[in-house]
Protein backbone atom coordinates (compact mmCIF):
# COMPACT_ATOMS: atom_id res chain seq x y z
CA MET A 1 6.78 -1.63 -14.78
CA PHE A 2 8.92 -4.27 -16.57
CA PRO A 3 10.11 -5.83 -13.33
CA LEU A 4 6.44 -6.20 -12.38
CA TRP A 5 5.02 -7.85 -15.44
CA PRO A 6 6.39 -11.35 -14.99
CA GLY A 7 3.95 -12.00 -12.08
CA VAL A 8 0.83 -11.07 -14.06
CA PRO A 9 0.67 -14.01 -16.36
CA ALA A 10 1.29 -16.37 -13.55
CA PHE A 11 -1.73 -14.87 -11.59
CA ALA A 12 -4.01 -14.85 -14.71
CA LEU A 13 -3.23 -18.31 -15.80
CA ALA A 14 -3.89 -19.57 -12.45
CA PHE A 15 -7.20 -17.62 -12.50
CA ALA A 16 -8.09 -19.15 -15.96
CA ILE A 17 -7.47 -22.50 -14.90
CA ALA A 18 -9.56 -22.46 -11.48
CA ALA A 19 -12.43 -20.60 -13.57
CA GLY A 20 -12.36 -23.37 -16.34
CA ALA A 21 -12.41 -26.14 -13.70
CA ALA A 22 -15.52 -24.12 -12.03
CA GLY A 23 -17.41 -24.61 -15.31
CA PHE A 24 -16.89 -21.21 -16.89
CA THR A 25 -16.77 -21.07 -20.64
CA ALA A 26 -13.52 -19.57 -22.35
CA LEU A 27 -15.32 -16.42 -23.19
CA GLU A 28 -16.71 -15.77 -19.49
CA VAL A 29 -13.23 -16.39 -18.41
CA VAL A 30 -11.91 -13.69 -20.71
CA ALA A 31 -14.88 -11.40 -19.91
CA LEU A 32 -14.12 -11.58 -16.11
CA SER A 33 -10.70 -10.10 -16.62
CA LEU A 34 -11.85 -7.67 -19.39
CA PHE A 35 -14.66 -6.14 -17.46
CA ILE A 36 -13.73 -6.56 -13.81
CA PHE A 37 -9.94 -6.70 -13.66
CA ALA A 38 -9.39 -7.29 -10.32
CA GLY A 39 -7.44 -10.56 -9.47
CA SER A 40 -8.47 -11.37 -5.81
CA ALA A 41 -12.10 -10.47 -6.55
CA GLN A 42 -12.06 -12.85 -9.74
CA VAL A 43 -10.68 -15.67 -7.74
CA ALA A 44 -13.15 -15.16 -5.06
CA THR A 45 -15.98 -15.02 -7.52
CA VAL A 46 -14.99 -18.23 -9.16
CA ALA A 47 -14.55 -19.98 -5.59
CA LEU A 48 -17.95 -18.74 -4.51
CA TYR A 49 -19.75 -19.93 -7.76
CA ALA A 50 -17.93 -23.17 -7.40
CA SER A 51 -19.39 -23.48 -3.94
CA GLY A 52 -22.78 -22.60 -4.99
CA ALA A 53 -23.11 -19.15 -3.66
CA GLY A 54 -25.72 -16.68 -5.01
CA PHE A 55 -25.30 -13.54 -7.07
CA ILE A 56 -25.50 -11.30 -3.92
CA PRO A 57 -22.73 -12.90 -1.83
CA ILE A 58 -20.58 -13.16 -4.80
CA VAL A 59 -20.98 -9.29 -5.67
CA LEU A 60 -20.75 -8.22 -1.93
CA THR A 61 -17.54 -10.14 -1.49
CA ALA A 62 -15.95 -8.83 -4.58
CA LEU A 63 -16.87 -5.20 -3.54
CA LEU A 64 -15.47 -5.83 -0.01
CA LEU A 65 -12.26 -7.10 -1.50
CA ASN A 66 -11.75 -4.02 -3.75
CA LEU A 67 -12.50 -1.40 -1.05
CA ARG A 68 -8.95 -0.85 -0.66
CA HIS A 69 -8.98 0.87 -4.10
CA THR A 70 -11.15 3.62 -2.56
CA PHE A 71 -7.97 4.37 -0.39
CA TYR A 72 -5.85 4.24 -3.32
CA GLY A 73 -8.07 6.67 -5.27
CA LEU A 74 -8.03 9.28 -2.23
CA SER A 75 -4.33 9.00 -1.83
CA ILE A 76 -3.64 9.67 -5.57
CA ASN A 77 -6.56 12.24 -6.02
CA ARG A 78 -4.95 14.86 -3.85
CA TRP A 79 -1.86 14.80 -6.31
CA LEU A 80 -3.90 15.16 -9.56
CA PRO A 81 -5.77 18.18 -10.96
CA GLU A 82 -9.52 18.34 -10.84
CA ARG A 83 -9.69 17.42 -14.47
CA THR A 84 -7.21 14.81 -15.90
CA THR A 85 -6.65 13.21 -19.27
CA PRO A 86 -7.65 10.47 -19.37
CA PRO A 87 -10.53 11.36 -17.12
CA LYS A 88 -10.72 10.03 -13.38
CA PRO A 89 -13.36 7.34 -14.05
CA LEU A 90 -11.39 5.81 -16.53
CA LEU A 91 -8.05 5.86 -14.42
CA ALA A 92 -10.14 4.31 -11.57
CA PHE A 93 -11.13 1.44 -13.49
CA PHE A 94 -7.68 0.32 -14.57
CA VAL A 95 -5.83 1.17 -11.21
CA THR A 96 -4.11 -1.90 -9.63
CA ASP A 97 -2.17 -2.36 -6.39
CA GLU A 98 1.11 -2.32 -8.61
CA SER A 99 0.22 0.67 -10.64
CA TYR A 100 -0.73 2.62 -7.53
CA GLY A 101 2.50 1.92 -5.87
CA MET A 102 4.48 2.79 -8.88
CA THR A 103 2.44 5.97 -9.45
CA ILE A 104 2.28 7.26 -5.75
CA ARG A 105 6.09 6.76 -5.52
CA SER A 106 6.57 9.09 -8.85
CA LEU A 107 4.11 11.52 -7.47
CA MET A 108 6.10 11.79 -4.21
CA ALA A 109 9.24 12.46 -6.14
CA ARG A 110 7.26 15.37 -7.94
CA ARG A 111 7.03 13.27 -11.28
CA GLY A 112 4.47 11.19 -12.86
CA GLY A 113 0.83 12.11 -13.11
CA ALA A 114 -2.50 10.86 -14.92
CA LEU A 115 -0.94 9.60 -18.05
CA TYR A 116 1.76 7.98 -15.97
CA LEU A 117 -1.00 6.15 -13.81
CA PHE A 118 -2.82 5.16 -17.06
CA GLY A 119 0.27 3.75 -18.83
CA ALA A 120 1.30 1.62 -15.88
CA SER A 121 -2.26 0.31 -15.23
CA VAL A 122 -2.97 -0.53 -18.92
CA SER A 123 0.26 -2.22 -19.31
CA LEU A 124 -0.78 -4.63 -16.63
CA TRP A 125 -4.35 -4.83 -17.89
CA LEU A 126 -3.17 -5.72 -21.43
CA ILE A 127 -0.85 -8.56 -20.14
CA PHE A 128 -3.52 -9.84 -18.01
CA ILE A 129 -6.07 -10.14 -20.53
CA ALA A 130 -3.56 -11.79 -22.99
CA SER A 131 -2.48 -14.26 -20.37
CA THR A 132 -6.17 -14.91 -19.26
CA THR A 133 -7.23 -15.66 -22.91
CA LEU A 134 -4.13 -17.86 -23.29
CA GLY A 135 -5.21 -19.94 -19.97
CA ALA A 136 -8.94 -20.05 -21.21
CA LEU A 137 -7.85 -21.58 -24.65
CA LEU A 138 -5.41 -23.93 -23.20
CA ASP A 139 -7.59 -25.16 -20.41
CA GLY A 140 -6.63 -28.62 -19.38
CA ARG A 141 -3.05 -28.47 -20.83
CA LEU A 142 -1.46 -26.46 -18.16
CA PRO A 143 0.03 -27.34 -14.91
CA ALA A 144 -1.89 -26.98 -11.79
CA ALA A 145 -2.22 -23.48 -10.40
CA GLY A 146 -0.42 -24.49 -7.22
CA SER A 147 2.68 -24.90 -9.15
CA ALA A 148 3.01 -21.21 -10.23
CA GLY A 149 4.59 -20.14 -7.30
CA LEU A 150 2.14 -17.45 -6.77
CA GLU A 151 2.66 -17.59 -2.97
CA PHE A 152 6.12 -16.13 -3.47
CA ILE A 153 5.57 -13.75 -6.41
CA PHE A 154 3.07 -11.40 -5.14
CA PRO A 155 4.42 -10.79 -1.67
CA LEU A 156 7.87 -9.97 -3.13
CA THR A 157 6.12 -7.75 -5.56
CA PHE A 158 4.48 -5.68 -2.93
CA VAL A 159 7.78 -5.66 -0.90
CA ALA A 160 9.44 -4.32 -3.71
CA LEU A 161 6.75 -1.38 -4.15
CA LEU A 162 6.68 -0.65 -0.50
CA VAL A 163 10.38 -0.22 0.42
CA PRO A 164 11.05 2.79 -1.81
CA LEU A 165 8.16 4.50 0.04
CA LEU A 166 9.72 4.07 3.39
CA ARG A 167 11.44 7.42 3.52
CA GLY A 168 11.28 8.39 7.38
CA ARG A 169 10.51 6.99 10.65
CA VAL A 170 6.75 7.60 10.20
CA GLU A 171 6.30 5.51 7.03
CA LEU A 172 8.56 2.94 8.80
CA ALA A 173 6.56 2.92 11.76
CA VAL A 174 3.12 2.72 9.95
CA ALA A 175 4.48 -0.10 7.68
CA LEU A 176 5.36 -2.20 10.95
CA VAL A 177 1.99 -1.56 12.43
CA ALA A 178 0.22 -2.59 9.55
CA ALA A 179 2.18 -5.85 9.24
CA VAL A 180 1.44 -6.57 12.77
CA LEU A 181 -2.02 -5.91 12.69
CA MET A 182 -2.54 -8.02 9.48
CA TYR A 183 -0.75 -10.96 11.35
CA LEU A 184 -3.08 -10.56 14.41
CA VAL A 185 -6.50 -10.15 12.33
CA ASP A 186 -5.58 -12.93 9.86
CA GLY A 187 -8.06 -15.63 10.24
CA LEU A 188 -10.15 -13.64 12.39
CA VAL A 189 -11.76 -11.27 9.80
CA PRO A 190 -12.49 -11.97 6.22
CA ASP A 191 -9.68 -10.89 3.72
CA GLY A 192 -11.37 -7.76 2.27
CA ALA A 193 -12.51 -6.66 5.60
CA SER A 194 -9.23 -7.32 7.33
CA ILE A 195 -7.49 -4.97 4.56
CA VAL A 196 -9.82 -2.15 5.00
CA LEU A 197 -9.61 -2.55 8.77
CA VAL A 198 -5.79 -2.50 8.74
CA ILE A 199 -5.52 0.47 6.37
CA LEU A 200 -7.93 2.52 8.59
CA LEU A 201 -6.02 1.75 11.79
CA SER A 202 -2.53 2.02 10.34
CA ALA A 203 -3.75 5.37 8.60
CA GLY A 204 -4.75 6.64 12.05
CA VAL A 205 -1.39 5.83 13.44
CA GLY A 206 0.37 7.60 10.64
CA VAL A 207 -1.69 10.74 11.12
CA ALA A 208 -1.04 10.56 14.93
CA LEU A 209 2.65 10.34 14.41
CA ASP A 210 2.75 13.11 11.84
CA GLU A 211 0.74 15.37 14.23
CA ARG A 212 3.10 14.63 17.07
CA ALA A 213 6.10 15.17 14.92
CA GLY A 214 4.75 18.75 13.79
CA THR A 215 4.11 19.66 17.43
CA ALA A 216 7.62 18.62 18.19
CA ALA A 217 8.89 20.73 15.46
CA THR A 218 6.95 23.89 16.62
């Protein structure tokens, strides 16, 4: 997980700066990271709160942005036994995009497991909490969030996670379809909904290609 850690403080500090500017106290900023631990949902919560949105729209937006974790859970669950240590509800709370990517790659290689996922996820959580706390305590004495280079850090992170999973023509085709679909729906559909929509459509393409390959093989 070490190569992925440097991107976490940048995002956490940017969130802490934005939350402080929106009027959240240092304790509230840390609590958002401690109990929610979903960067995109936290940033959306702060932005909506700052714009005067109510409780229900904020909660619904956060849920929509995190629906992709349902697919992560379904994907990983088929590799894990019915009972795990730590238990699955605890694993579900800590899972992130990055820890999912690392874990599913290890599981596909017949390595890893529940403890691997837990360790990968918690390592990011601890760094995120520490960085958020630092950002909350140093509010007003840090550079603007826009200078943190987040627009480069996270796309590169996800590319690094994706490339090792592209092991055949089906995986490559699904990745290309997902990229094209996301480009087409960008700006037309809310971010959370667009992610879920593209996942469903791309997964459908993957299933169809798998079935076609299986039929050809027989």
